Amino acid sequence: MTEWHNGIVRISIPTPFPVGDVNVFLIKGDLLTLVDTGVKTPAGRYALEEGLKKLGYKLEDIEQVIITHHHPDHVGGADFFGMNVPLAGHPNNQRWLELSEDFISQLDEFFLDFASLAGIPSEMKHHVKKFRGALKYNCDRTLTNMITDKQELPGLPGWMAVETLGHAQSHLSFFREQDGAMIGGDFLLEKISPNPLIEPPFEPGKDRPRPQLQFNASLRKLIAMPVSKVYAGHGDEVENVKELANLRINRQHERAMHVRQLVENKPSTAYELCTLLFPKVFRKEPGLTLSETVAQLDYLLDLGEIKEEQSAHGNIYSVS
C-alpha cells in the first residue's frame, strides 16, 4: 500500500531484525500523525524520509507521533523528530523508554531469576542479557502524552485506542468505527503469530504478566469488534480479521497440546522443552524461544493440564 486509502498510508521501513521490514502509518486528521516510526538506523531514517517525500511531506511536517508499543522497530525512530513533536502511547511504554538504572537492574535481576526457574544451564547464563532485547536501538525520548484503553486519540477524531496486551505490556491498537479500520501494530499479522514476550512485573516481587493469556483475551476482544481491516505492523493488511484471529487462537491451543504431550512423555524444565521445540534456533534467539515456550506452559497451567514443581535445577513441569 503506497497510496492514501481513507486517510491512511503505509510506509515500509527496513530493520536489522529477523522479522524484516516494519510498517509505519501516516494518518490525516486535525494533526498529521505518524503511527510508529521504524527503527533508529540510517537506513530506517532514509526510508522514512523517502516515503514521506513521495507523499509530498518531510519529517518536519509530522505534527505528532503515536506508538503502538515500545519495541525499538516501532519507536526507535522517534529520535528523528524534534522535541516539540508530541510522542504518545500507553503508559507502560515509559519504563522501557526511560531505561533508568533501577529498571535496567530490575531487568537483569528478573531475567537471571527467570533463567534459573527455566533451568537454563550455568554455562548459558551469559545469554540472559539478550532477553532484554535490542536496547541499543531504543530512542532517547520518553512519552509526552499518555493514551489509555478506549480513549480517543489526540488530533484524530473518530479514532479510539484499544488495549491489546500480549506481545507487549504496552501494546495499543487504534480503531476507527466509521469504516472498521484498525492500526494493529504487532497484534494481528498475516503470516506469523507474534511472540508473547515475557516482561518483568511492574512492581518487583510481584507475579510477572502471563502474555499468552493476555494475547488470547485481546484476540477475543478483537473478534467481538466490527473490525473490517487491520493495518499490520509487518506484512500486508489483514481483511479476514475474525477468521485469522480464530485461527491464531486455535493454532496456539494446538501448540500448547503438543507441549503437553512432551511433558507427559517426560517431566521437563522450560529450558529442556525449549530445546525440543526450537532445536535450531534457541541458542541464537534465547529470549524469543524461551518466551514462546513459557507462554505455552502458562496456558497449560491455567487450563489445569499440567503442574509446576520446584527443583534445584529449575521448575519441573508434569501432567496433572
C-alpha atoms as a PDB file:
ATOM      1  CA  MET A   1       0.000   0.000   0.000  1.00  0.00           C
ATOM      2  CA  THR A   2       1.840   3.059  -1.258  1.00  0.00           C
ATOM      3  CA  GLU A   3      -1.087   5.432  -1.721  1.00  0.00           C
ATOM      4  CA  TRP A   4      -3.690   7.031   0.507  1.00  0.00           C
ATOM      5  CA  HIS A   5      -6.685   4.904   1.452  1.00  0.00           C
ATOM      6  CA  ASN A   6      -9.353   6.589   3.579  1.00  0.00           C
ATOM      7  CA  GLY A   7      -6.778   8.952   5.036  1.00  0.00           C
ATOM      8  CA  ILE A   8      -4.186   6.247   5.805  1.00  0.00           C
ATOM      9  CA  VAL A   9      -0.960   5.431   4.000  1.00  0.00           C
ATOM     10  CA  ARG A  10       1.699   2.819   4.772  1.00  0.00           C
ATOM     11  CA  ILE A  11       5.455   3.339   4.636  1.00  0.00           C
ATOM     12  CA  SER A  12       7.691   0.267   4.978  1.00  0.00           C
ATOM     13  CA  ILE A  13      10.947   0.669   6.896  1.00  0.00           C
ATOM     14  CA  PRO A  14      13.862  -1.842   6.857  1.00  0.00           C
ATOM     15  CA  THR A  15      15.056  -3.248  10.187  1.00  0.00           C
ATOM     16  CA  PRO A  16      18.119  -5.222  11.262  1.00  0.00           C
ATOM     17  CA  PHE A  17      15.858  -7.822  12.896  1.00  0.00           C
ATOM     18  CA  PRO A  18      14.779 -11.266  11.581  1.00  0.00           C
ATOM     19  CA  VAL A  19      11.171 -10.085  11.269  1.00  0.00           C
ATOM     20  CA  GLY A  20      12.167  -7.855   8.340  1.00  0.00           C
ATOM     21  CA  ASP A  21      10.520  -4.568   7.377  1.00  0.00           C
ATOM     22  CA  VAL A  22       8.219  -2.749   9.779  1.00  0.00           C
ATOM     23  CA  ASN A  23       5.223  -0.713   8.629  1.00  0.00           C
ATOM     24  CA  VAL A  24       4.509   2.792   9.880  1.00  0.00           C
ATOM     25  CA  PHE A  25       1.331   4.669   9.020  1.00  0.00           C
ATOM     26  CA  LEU A  26       0.642   8.285   8.190  1.00  0.00           C
ATOM     27  CA  ILE A  27      -2.892   9.399   9.103  1.00  0.00           C
ATOM     28  CA  LYS A  28      -4.613  12.627   8.131  1.00  0.00           C
ATOM     29  CA  GLY A  29      -6.668  14.282  10.851  1.00  0.00           C
ATOM     30  CA  ASP A  30      -6.677  17.507  12.794  1.00  0.00           C
ATOM     31  CA  LEU A  31      -2.987  16.692  13.272  1.00  0.00           C
ATOM     32  CA  LEU A  32      -0.825  14.947  10.674  1.00  0.00           C
ATOM     33  CA  THR A  33       0.055  11.844  12.660  1.00  0.00           C
ATOM     34  CA  LEU A  34       2.664   9.131  12.249  1.00  0.00           C
ATOM     35  CA  VAL A  35       1.811   5.854  13.950  1.00  0.00           C
ATOM     36  CA  ASP A  36       5.082   4.105  14.815  1.00  0.00           C
ATOM     37  CA  THR A  37       8.419   5.296  13.497  1.00  0.00           C
ATOM     38  CA  GLY A  38      10.604   2.422  12.348  1.00  0.00           C
ATOM     39  CA  VAL A  39      13.990   1.640  13.819  1.00  0.00           C
ATOM     40  CA  LYS A  40      16.728   4.149  14.670  1.00  0.00           C
ATOM     41  CA  THR A  41      19.254   3.358  11.949  1.00  0.00           C
ATOM     42  CA  PRO A  42      20.494   5.400   8.971  1.00  0.00           C
ATOM     43  CA  ALA A  43      18.598   3.039   6.644  1.00  0.00           C
ATOM     44  CA  GLY A  44      15.450   3.467   8.735  1.00  0.00           C
ATOM     45  CA  ARG A  45      15.642   7.244   8.607  1.00  0.00           C
ATOM     46  CA  TYR A  46      16.320   7.258   4.861  1.00  0.00           C
ATOM     47  CA  ALA A  47      13.322   5.001   4.142  1.00  0.00           C
ATOM     48  CA  LEU A  48      11.044   7.165   6.268  1.00  0.00           C
ATOM     49  CA  GLU A  49      12.244  10.391   4.656  1.00  0.00           C
ATOM     50  CA  GLU A  50      11.868   8.940   1.153  1.00  0.00           C
ATOM     51  CA  GLY A  51       8.420   7.561   1.930  1.00  0.00           C
ATOM     52  CA  LEU A  52       7.255  10.933   3.208  1.00  0.00           C
ATOM     53  CA  LYS A  53       8.850  12.722   0.242  1.00  0.00           C
ATOM     54  CA  LYS A  54       6.845  10.604  -2.218  1.00  0.00           C
ATOM     55  CA  LEU A  55       3.703  11.754  -0.421  1.00  0.00           C
ATOM     56  CA  GLY A  56       4.742  15.398  -0.513  1.00  0.00           C
ATOM     57  CA  TYR A  57       5.876  15.630   3.101  1.00  0.00           C
ATOM     58  CA  LYS A  58       9.063  15.826   5.127  1.00  0.00           C
ATOM     59  CA  LEU A  59       9.892  14.886   8.718  1.00  0.00           C
ATOM     60  CA  GLU A  60       9.219  18.439   9.883  1.00  0.00           C
ATOM     61  CA  ASP A  61       5.590  18.201   8.680  1.00  0.00           C
ATOM     62  CA  ILE A  62       4.690  15.487  11.180  1.00  0.00           C
ATOM     63  CA  GLU A  63       2.665  17.064  13.992  1.00  0.00           C
ATOM     64  CA  GLN A  64       2.568  14.127  16.385  1.00  0.00           C
ATOM     65  CA  VAL A  65       3.851  10.563  16.752  1.00  0.00           C
ATOM     66  CA  ILE A  66       1.753   7.825  18.357  1.00  0.00           C
ATOM     67  CA  ILE A  67       3.257   4.403  19.051  1.00  0.00           C
ATOM     68  CA  THR A  68       1.592   1.005  19.272  1.00  0.00           C
ATOM     69  CA  HIS A  69       4.218  -0.353  21.704  1.00  0.00           C
ATOM     70  CA  HIS A  70       7.744   0.100  22.993  1.00  0.00           C
ATOM     71  CA  HIS A  71       9.759  -2.294  20.792  1.00  0.00           C
ATOM     72  CA  PRO A  72      12.598  -0.462  19.022  1.00  0.00           C
ATOM     73  CA  ASP A  73      11.426  -1.234  15.485  1.00  0.00           C
ATOM     74  CA  HIS A  74       8.249   0.708  16.335  1.00  0.00           C
ATOM     75  CA  VAL A  75       9.585   3.596  18.426  1.00  0.00           C
ATOM     76  CA  GLY A  76      13.346   3.929  17.824  1.00  0.00           C
ATOM     77  CA  GLY A  77      12.851   6.472  15.054  1.00  0.00           C
ATOM     78  CA  ALA A  78      11.136   8.881  17.449  1.00  0.00           C
ATOM     79  CA  ASP A  79      14.593  10.490  17.685  1.00  0.00           C
ATOM     80  CA  PHE A  80      14.199  11.660  14.083  1.00  0.00           C
ATOM     81  CA  PHE A  81      11.671  14.267  15.251  1.00  0.00           C
ATOM     82  CA  GLY A  82      12.122  17.460  17.206  1.00  0.00           C
ATOM     83  CA  MET A  83      11.313  17.589  20.899  1.00  0.00           C
ATOM     84  CA  ASN A  84       8.376  19.852  20.039  1.00  0.00           C
ATOM     85  CA  VAL A  85       6.623  16.914  18.336  1.00  0.00           C
ATOM     86  CA  PRO A  86       4.416  15.099  20.874  1.00  0.00           C
ATOM     87  CA  LEU A  87       5.119  11.393  21.438  1.00  0.00           C
ATOM     88  CA  ALA A  88       2.077   9.490  22.670  1.00  0.00           C
ATOM     89  CA  GLY A  89       1.414   5.909  23.728  1.00  0.00           C
ATOM     90  CA  HIS A  90       0.401   3.543  26.513  1.00  0.00           C
ATOM     91  CA  PRO A  91       1.791   4.486  29.952  1.00  0.00           C
ATOM     92  CA  ASN A  92       3.534   1.096  30.121  1.00  0.00           C
ATOM     93  CA  ASN A  93       5.935   2.263  27.405  1.00  0.00           C
ATOM     94  CA  GLN A  94       7.569   4.728  29.726  1.00  0.00           C
ATOM     95  CA  ARG A  95       9.819   2.424  31.745  1.00  0.00           C
ATOM     96  CA  TRP A  96      11.277   0.996  28.513  1.00  0.00           C
ATOM     97  CA  LEU A  97      11.884   4.485  27.096  1.00  0.00           C
ATOM     98  CA  GLU A  98      13.337   5.969  30.263  1.00  0.00           C
ATOM     99  CA  LEU A  99      15.592   2.926  30.875  1.00  0.00           C
ATOM    100  CA  SER A 100      16.557   4.144  34.316  1.00  0.00           C
ATOM    101  CA  GLU A 101      19.435   2.464  36.130  1.00  0.00           C
ATOM    102  CA  ASP A 102      16.892   0.994  38.554  1.00  0.00           C
ATOM    103  CA  PHE A 103      14.868  -0.513  35.728  1.00  0.00           C
ATOM    104  CA  ILE A 104      17.938  -1.943  33.978  1.00  0.00           C
ATOM    105  CA  SER A 105      18.986  -3.522  37.281  1.00  0.00           C
ATOM    106  CA  GLN A 106      15.448  -4.873  37.663  1.00  0.00           C
ATOM    107  CA  LEU A 107      15.632  -6.327  34.143  1.00  0.00           C
ATOM    108  CA  ASP A 108      18.915  -8.101  34.850  1.00  0.00           C
ATOM    109  CA  GLU A 109      17.694  -9.458  38.193  1.00  0.00           C
ATOM    110  CA  PHE A 110      14.359 -10.571  36.744  1.00  0.00           C
ATOM    111  CA  PHE A 111      15.847 -12.386  33.766  1.00  0.00           C
ATOM    112  CA  LEU A 112      18.559 -14.067  35.833  1.00  0.00           C
ATOM    113  CA  ASP A 113      15.851 -15.369  38.156  1.00  0.00           C
ATOM    114  CA  PHE A 114      13.705 -16.298  35.155  1.00  0.00           C
ATOM    115  CA  ALA A 115      16.654 -18.223  33.676  1.00  0.00           C
ATOM    116  CA  SER A 116      17.144 -20.149  36.923  1.00  0.00           C
ATOM    117  CA  LEU A 117      13.462 -21.060  37.153  1.00  0.00           C
ATOM    118  CA  ALA A 118      13.554 -22.151  33.499  1.00  0.00           C
ATOM    119  CA  GLY A 119      16.508 -24.454  34.188  1.00  0.00           C
ATOM    120  CA  ILE A 120      18.994 -22.767  31.878  1.00  0.00           C
ATOM    121  CA  PRO A 121      22.444 -24.362  32.422  1.00  0.00           C
ATOM    122  CA  SER A 122      25.030 -22.153  34.125  1.00  0.00           C
ATOM    123  CA  GLU A 123      27.266 -22.158  31.028  1.00  0.00           C
ATOM    124  CA  MET A 124      24.442 -20.458  29.086  1.00  0.00           C
ATOM    125  CA  LYS A 125      23.670 -17.752  31.650  1.00  0.00           C
ATOM    126  CA  HIS A 126      25.715 -15.243  29.630  1.00  0.00           C
ATOM    127  CA  HIS A 127      22.850 -15.294  27.105  1.00  0.00           C
ATOM    128  CA  VAL A 128      20.469 -13.863  29.667  1.00  0.00           C
ATOM    129  CA  LYS A 129      21.145 -10.219  28.844  1.00  0.00           C
ATOM    130  CA  LYS A 130      19.946 -10.936  25.313  1.00  0.00           C
ATOM    131  CA  PHE A 131      16.496 -11.301  26.847  1.00  0.00           C
ATOM    132  CA  ARG A 132      16.361  -7.527  27.326  1.00  0.00           C
ATOM    133  CA  GLY A 133      16.002  -7.103  23.588  1.00  0.00           C
ATOM    134  CA  ALA A 134      17.813  -4.754  21.244  1.00  0.00           C
ATOM    135  CA  LEU A 135      18.009  -1.821  23.641  1.00  0.00           C
ATOM    136  CA  LYS A 136      20.774  -0.182  21.618  1.00  0.00           C
ATOM    137  CA  TYR A 137      18.145   0.712  19.019  1.00  0.00           C
ATOM    138  CA  ASN A 138      15.931   2.484  21.569  1.00  0.00           C
ATOM    139  CA  CYS A 139      15.127   6.138  21.139  1.00  0.00           C
ATOM    140  CA  ASP A 140      16.309   8.759  23.629  1.00  0.00           C
ATOM    141  CA  ARG A 141      12.834  10.210  24.061  1.00  0.00           C
ATOM    142  CA  THR A 142      10.050   9.476  26.518  1.00  0.00           C
ATOM    143  CA  LEU A 143       6.302   9.867  26.176  1.00  0.00           C
ATOM    144  CA  THR A 144       4.843  13.353  26.384  1.00  0.00           C
ATOM    145  CA  ASN A 145       1.216  12.147  26.246  1.00  0.00           C
ATOM    146  CA  MET A 146      -0.333   9.013  27.731  1.00  0.00           C
ATOM    147  CA  ILE A 147      -3.098   7.105  25.938  1.00  0.00           C
ATOM    148  CA  THR A 148      -5.248   4.519  27.673  1.00  0.00           C
ATOM    149  CA  ASP A 149      -7.841   1.957  26.637  1.00  0.00           C
ATOM    150  CA  LYS A 150     -10.988   3.391  24.963  1.00  0.00           C
ATOM    151  CA  GLN A 151      -9.526   6.902  24.811  1.00  0.00           C
ATOM    152  CA  GLU A 152      -9.999   8.972  21.654  1.00  0.00           C
ATOM    153  CA  LEU A 153      -6.661   9.688  20.014  1.00  0.00           C
ATOM    154  CA  PRO A 154      -5.458  13.293  20.238  1.00  0.00           C
ATOM    155  CA  GLY A 155      -5.770  15.110  16.928  1.00  0.00           C
ATOM    156  CA  LEU A 156      -7.570  12.164  15.292  1.00  0.00           C
ATOM    157  CA  PRO A 157     -11.344  12.450  15.820  1.00  0.00           C
ATOM    158  CA  GLY A 158     -13.105   9.106  15.445  1.00  0.00           C
ATOM    159  CA  TRP A 159     -10.026   7.039  16.333  1.00  0.00           C
ATOM    160  CA  MET A 160     -10.043   5.120  19.631  1.00  0.00           C
ATOM    161  CA  ALA A 161      -7.265   3.311  21.483  1.00  0.00           C
ATOM    162  CA  VAL A 162      -7.823  -0.384  22.213  1.00  0.00           C
ATOM    163  CA  GLU A 163      -5.576  -2.123  24.731  1.00  0.00           C
ATOM    164  CA  THR A 164      -4.256  -5.285  23.050  1.00  0.00           C
ATOM    165  CA  LEU A 165      -1.754  -6.731  25.502  1.00  0.00           C
ATOM    166  CA  GLY A 166       0.196  -9.945  24.935  1.00  0.00           C
ATOM    167  CA  HIS A 167       3.042  -9.212  22.551  1.00  0.00           C
ATOM    168  CA  ALA A 168       3.989  -6.307  24.815  1.00  0.00           C
ATOM    169  CA  GLN A 169       2.651  -4.906  28.068  1.00  0.00           C
ATOM    170  CA  SER A 170       2.475  -1.511  26.349  1.00  0.00           C
ATOM    171  CA  HIS A 171       0.530  -2.602  23.266  1.00  0.00           C
ATOM    172  CA  LEU A 172      -2.296  -0.485  21.893  1.00  0.00           C
ATOM    173  CA  SER A 173      -4.173  -0.795  18.631  1.00  0.00           C
ATOM    174  CA  PHE A 174      -6.132   2.097  17.128  1.00  0.00           C
ATOM    175  CA  PHE A 175      -9.699   1.644  15.843  1.00  0.00           C
ATOM    176  CA  ARG A 176     -11.901   3.837  13.654  1.00  0.00           C
ATOM    177  CA  GLU A 177     -15.511   2.716  13.934  1.00  0.00           C
ATOM    178  CA  GLN A 178     -16.851   4.553  10.868  1.00  0.00           C
ATOM    179  CA  ASP A 179     -15.102   2.149   8.478  1.00  0.00           C
ATOM    180  CA  GLY A 180     -13.784  -0.599  10.796  1.00  0.00           C
ATOM    181  CA  ALA A 181     -10.123   0.278  10.200  1.00  0.00           C
ATOM    182  CA  MET A 182      -7.594  -0.745  12.841  1.00  0.00           C
ATOM    183  CA  ILE A 183      -3.901   0.118  13.063  1.00  0.00           C
ATOM    184  CA  GLY A 184      -2.746  -3.088  14.740  1.00  0.00           C
ATOM    185  CA  GLY A 185       0.992  -2.850  15.393  1.00  0.00           C
ATOM    186  CA  ASP A 186       2.180  -6.385  16.109  1.00  0.00           C
ATOM    187  CA  PHE A 187      -1.203  -7.586  17.345  1.00  0.00           C
ATOM    188  CA  LEU A 188      -2.521  -9.438  14.278  1.00  0.00           C
ATOM    189  CA  LEU A 189      -0.095 -10.270  11.454  1.00  0.00           C
ATOM    190  CA  GLU A 190      -0.989 -12.015   8.208  1.00  0.00           C
ATOM    191  CA  LYS A 191       1.845 -14.543   8.004  1.00  0.00           C
ATOM    192  CA  ILE A 192       3.106 -15.101  11.554  1.00  0.00           C
ATOM    193  CA  SER A 193       1.823 -15.239  15.100  1.00  0.00           C
ATOM    194  CA  PRO A 194       3.511 -12.556  17.259  1.00  0.00           C
ATOM    195  CA  ASN A 195       5.639 -13.771  20.154  1.00  0.00           C
ATOM    196  CA  PRO A 196       4.003 -13.483  23.591  1.00  0.00           C
ATOM    197  CA  LEU A 197       7.063 -11.883  25.168  1.00  0.00           C
ATOM    198  CA  ILE A 198       7.963 -12.267  28.830  1.00  0.00           C
ATOM    199  CA  GLU A 199       8.388  -8.996  30.729  1.00  0.00           C
ATOM    200  CA  PRO A 200       9.148  -8.254  34.384  1.00  0.00           C
ATOM    201  CA  PRO A 201       6.322  -7.279  36.750  1.00  0.00           C
ATOM    202  CA  PHE A 202       5.586  -3.615  37.313  1.00  0.00           C
ATOM    203  CA  GLU A 203       6.418  -3.987  40.981  1.00  0.00           C
ATOM    204  CA  PRO A 204       9.486  -6.037  41.988  1.00  0.00           C
ATOM    205  CA  GLY A 205       8.479  -9.187  43.815  1.00  0.00           C
ATOM    206  CA  LYS A 206       5.021  -9.360  42.243  1.00  0.00           C
ATOM    207  CA  ASP A 207       3.958 -12.023  39.747  1.00  0.00           C
ATOM    208  CA  ARG A 208       5.027 -11.395  36.164  1.00  0.00           C
ATOM    209  CA  PRO A 209       2.355 -10.917  33.467  1.00  0.00           C
ATOM    210  CA  ARG A 210       1.150 -14.029  31.590  1.00  0.00           C
ATOM    211  CA  PRO A 211       1.362 -12.770  27.987  1.00  0.00           C
ATOM    212  CA  GLN A 212      -0.260 -15.731  26.217  1.00  0.00           C
ATOM    213  CA  LEU A 213      -3.368 -15.442  28.372  1.00  0.00           C
ATOM    214  CA  GLN A 214      -3.438 -11.702  27.698  1.00  0.00           C
ATOM    215  CA  PHE A 215      -2.933 -12.232  23.980  1.00  0.00           C
ATOM    216  CA  ASN A 216      -5.832 -14.688  23.742  1.00  0.00           C
ATOM    217  CA  ALA A 217      -8.066 -12.261  25.640  1.00  0.00           C
ATOM    218  CA  SER A 218      -7.071  -9.492  23.217  1.00  0.00           C
ATOM    219  CA  LEU A 219      -7.892 -11.701  20.229  1.00  0.00           C
ATOM    220  CA  ARG A 220     -11.326 -12.481  21.663  1.00  0.00           C
ATOM    221  CA  LYS A 221     -11.878  -8.754  22.180  1.00  0.00           C
ATOM    222  CA  LEU A 222     -10.976  -8.202  18.509  1.00  0.00           C
ATOM    223  CA  ILE A 223     -13.395 -10.905  17.336  1.00  0.00           C
ATOM    224  CA  ALA A 224     -16.241  -9.114  19.133  1.00  0.00           C
ATOM    225  CA  MET A 225     -15.454  -5.787  17.431  1.00  0.00           C
ATOM    226  CA  PRO A 226     -16.650  -4.640  13.964  1.00  0.00           C
ATOM    227  CA  VAL A 227     -13.111  -4.505  12.546  1.00  0.00           C
ATOM    228  CA  SER A 228     -13.035  -4.776   8.753  1.00  0.00           C
ATOM    229  CA  LYS A 229      -9.304  -4.367   8.128  1.00  0.00           C
ATOM    230  CA  VAL A 230      -6.154  -4.456  10.252  1.00  0.00           C
ATOM    231  CA  TYR A 231      -3.217  -2.370   9.061  1.00  0.00           C
ATOM    232  CA  ALA A 232      -0.446  -4.587  10.400  1.00  0.00           C
ATOM    233  CA  GLY A 233       2.973  -3.628  11.699  1.00  0.00           C
ATOM    234  CA  HIS A 234       4.619  -6.267   9.498  1.00  0.00           C
ATOM    235  CA  GLY A 235       3.420  -7.635   6.168  1.00  0.00           C
ATOM    236  CA  ASP A 236       0.215  -6.814   4.328  1.00  0.00           C
ATOM    237  CA  GLU A 237      -3.136  -5.640   5.629  1.00  0.00           C
ATOM    238  CA  VAL A 238      -5.462  -8.264   7.093  1.00  0.00           C
ATOM    239  CA  GLU A 239      -9.059  -8.323   5.846  1.00  0.00           C
ATOM    240  CA  ASN A 240     -10.185 -11.768   7.058  1.00  0.00           C
ATOM    241  CA  VAL A 241      -9.902 -10.423  10.584  1.00  0.00           C
ATOM    242  CA  LYS A 242     -12.236 -12.695  12.571  1.00  0.00           C
ATOM    243  CA  GLU A 243     -11.164 -15.801  10.643  1.00  0.00           C
ATOM    244  CA  LEU A 244      -7.478 -15.117  11.243  1.00  0.00           C
ATOM    245  CA  ALA A 245      -7.993 -14.245  14.924  1.00  0.00           C
ATOM    246  CA  ASN A 246      -9.840 -17.532  15.464  1.00  0.00           C
ATOM    247  CA  LEU A 247      -7.102 -19.365  13.585  1.00  0.00           C
ATOM    248  CA  ARG A 248      -4.439 -17.821  15.836  1.00  0.00           C
ATOM    249  CA  ILE A 249      -6.352 -18.954  18.958  1.00  0.00           C
ATOM    250  CA  ASN A 250      -6.822 -22.491  17.623  1.00  0.00           C
ATOM    251  CA  ARG A 251      -3.235 -22.869  16.414  1.00  0.00           C
ATOM    252  CA  GLN A 252      -1.917 -21.680  19.755  1.00  0.00           C
ATOM    253  CA  HIS A 253      -4.036 -24.308  21.523  1.00  0.00           C
ATOM    254  CA  GLU A 254      -2.592 -26.960  19.205  1.00  0.00           C
ATOM    255  CA  ARG A 255       0.956 -25.815  20.023  1.00  0.00           C
ATOM    256  CA  ALA A 256       0.168 -25.981  23.716  1.00  0.00           C
ATOM    257  CA  MET A 257      -1.235 -29.503  23.407  1.00  0.00           C
ATOM    258  CA  HIS A 258       1.995 -30.536  21.693  1.00  0.00           C
ATOM    259  CA  VAL A 259       3.910 -29.161  24.683  1.00  0.00           C
ATOM    260  CA  ARG A 260       1.569 -31.095  26.983  1.00  0.00           C
ATOM    261  CA  GLN A 261       2.443 -34.280  25.121  1.00  0.00           C
ATOM    262  CA  LEU A 262       6.144 -33.609  25.570  1.00  0.00           C
ATOM    263  CA  VAL A 263       5.599 -33.054  29.278  1.00  0.00           C
ATOM    264  CA  GLU A 264       3.548 -36.245  29.512  1.00  0.00           C
ATOM    265  CA  ASN A 265       6.369 -38.167  27.848  1.00  0.00           C
ATOM    266  CA  LYS A 266       8.963 -36.724  30.228  1.00  0.00           C
ATOM    267  CA  PRO A 267       8.574 -34.144  33.008  1.00  0.00           C
ATOM    268  CA  SER A 268      10.861 -31.275  31.966  1.00  0.00           C
ATOM    269  CA  THR A 269      12.068 -27.768  32.654  1.00  0.00           C
ATOM    270  CA  ALA A 270      11.131 -24.901  30.350  1.00  0.00           C
ATOM    271  CA  TYR A 271      14.688 -24.899  29.009  1.00  0.00           C
ATOM    272  CA  GLU A 272      14.538 -28.625  28.154  1.00  0.00           C
ATOM    273  CA  LEU A 273      11.240 -28.126  26.368  1.00  0.00           C
ATOM    274  CA  CYS A 274      12.621 -25.107  24.526  1.00  0.00           C
ATOM    275  CA  THR A 275      15.498 -27.175  23.117  1.00  0.00           C
ATOM    276  CA  LEU A 276      12.978 -29.742  21.842  1.00  0.00           C
ATOM    277  CA  LEU A 277      10.646 -27.170  20.328  1.00  0.00           C
ATOM    278  CA  PHE A 278      13.344 -24.953  18.792  1.00  0.00           C
ATOM    279  CA  PRO A 279      16.454 -27.140  18.334  1.00  0.00           C
ATOM    280  CA  LYS A 280      17.982 -24.949  15.613  1.00  0.00           C
ATOM    281  CA  VAL A 281      17.058 -21.540  16.962  1.00  0.00           C
ATOM    282  CA  PHE A 282      17.134 -21.447  20.759  1.00  0.00           C
ATOM    283  CA  ARG A 283      20.858 -20.594  21.085  1.00  0.00           C
ATOM    284  CA  LYS A 284      20.565 -17.742  18.600  1.00  0.00           C
ATOM    285  CA  GLU A 285      17.260 -16.374  19.938  1.00  0.00           C
ATOM    286  CA  PRO A 286      17.066 -17.493  23.582  1.00  0.00           C
ATOM    287  CA  GLY A 287      14.674 -14.747  24.627  1.00  0.00           C
ATOM    288  CA  LEU A 288      12.127 -15.295  21.862  1.00  0.00           C
ATOM    289  CA  THR A 289      12.162 -19.094  22.033  1.00  0.00           C
ATOM    290  CA  LEU A 290      12.040 -19.309  25.812  1.00  0.00           C
ATOM    291  CA  SER A 291       9.248 -16.707  25.939  1.00  0.00           C
ATOM    292  CA  GLU A 292       7.240 -18.793  23.481  1.00  0.00           C
ATOM    293  CA  THR A 293       7.865 -21.975  25.490  1.00  0.00           C
ATOM    294  CA  VAL A 294       6.948 -20.443  28.838  1.00  0.00           C
ATOM    295  CA  ALA A 295       3.861 -18.850  27.280  1.00  0.00           C
ATOM    296  CA  GLN A 296       2.547 -22.304  26.342  1.00  0.00           C
ATOM    297  CA  LEU A 297       3.314 -23.584  29.839  1.00  0.00           C
ATOM    298  CA  ASP A 298       1.424 -20.628  31.366  1.00  0.00           C
ATOM    299  CA  TYR A 299      -1.555 -21.520  29.169  1.00  0.00           C
ATOM    300  CA  LEU A 300      -1.479 -25.190  30.162  1.00  0.00           C
ATOM    301  CA  LEU A 301      -1.158 -24.294  33.841  1.00  0.00           C
ATOM    302  CA  ASP A 302      -4.170 -22.009  33.521  1.00  0.00           C
ATOM    303  CA  LEU A 303      -6.172 -24.884  31.972  1.00  0.00           C
ATOM    304  CA  GLY A 304      -5.091 -27.222  34.758  1.00  0.00           C
ATOM    305  CA  GLU A 305      -3.486 -29.582  32.225  1.00  0.00           C
ATOM    306  CA  ILE A 306      -0.046 -29.542  33.876  1.00  0.00           C
ATOM    307  CA  LYS A 307       1.550 -28.756  37.217  1.00  0.00           C
ATOM    308  CA  GLU A 308       4.773 -27.000  38.207  1.00  0.00           C
ATOM    309  CA  GLU A 309       7.156 -28.123  40.929  1.00  0.00           C
ATOM    310  CA  GLN A 310      10.344 -26.503  42.151  1.00  0.00           C
ATOM    311  CA  SER A 311      13.684 -28.292  41.909  1.00  0.00           C
ATOM    312  CA  ALA A 312      17.348 -27.408  42.312  1.00  0.00           C
ATOM    313  CA  HIS A 313      17.731 -27.419  38.517  1.00  0.00           C
ATOM    314  CA  GLY A 314      14.711 -25.292  37.660  1.00  0.00           C
ATOM    315  CA  ASN A 315      10.971 -25.746  37.840  1.00  0.00           C
ATOM    316  CA  ILE A 316       9.750 -29.108  36.547  1.00  0.00           C
ATOM    317  CA  TYR A 317       6.525 -29.372  34.558  1.00  0.00           C
ATOM    318  CA  SER A 318       4.498 -32.579  34.501  1.00  0.00           C
ATOM    319  CA  VAL A 319       0.955 -33.641  33.630  1.00  0.00           C
ATOM    320  CA  SER A 320      -1.572 -33.021  36.384  1.00  0.00           C
END
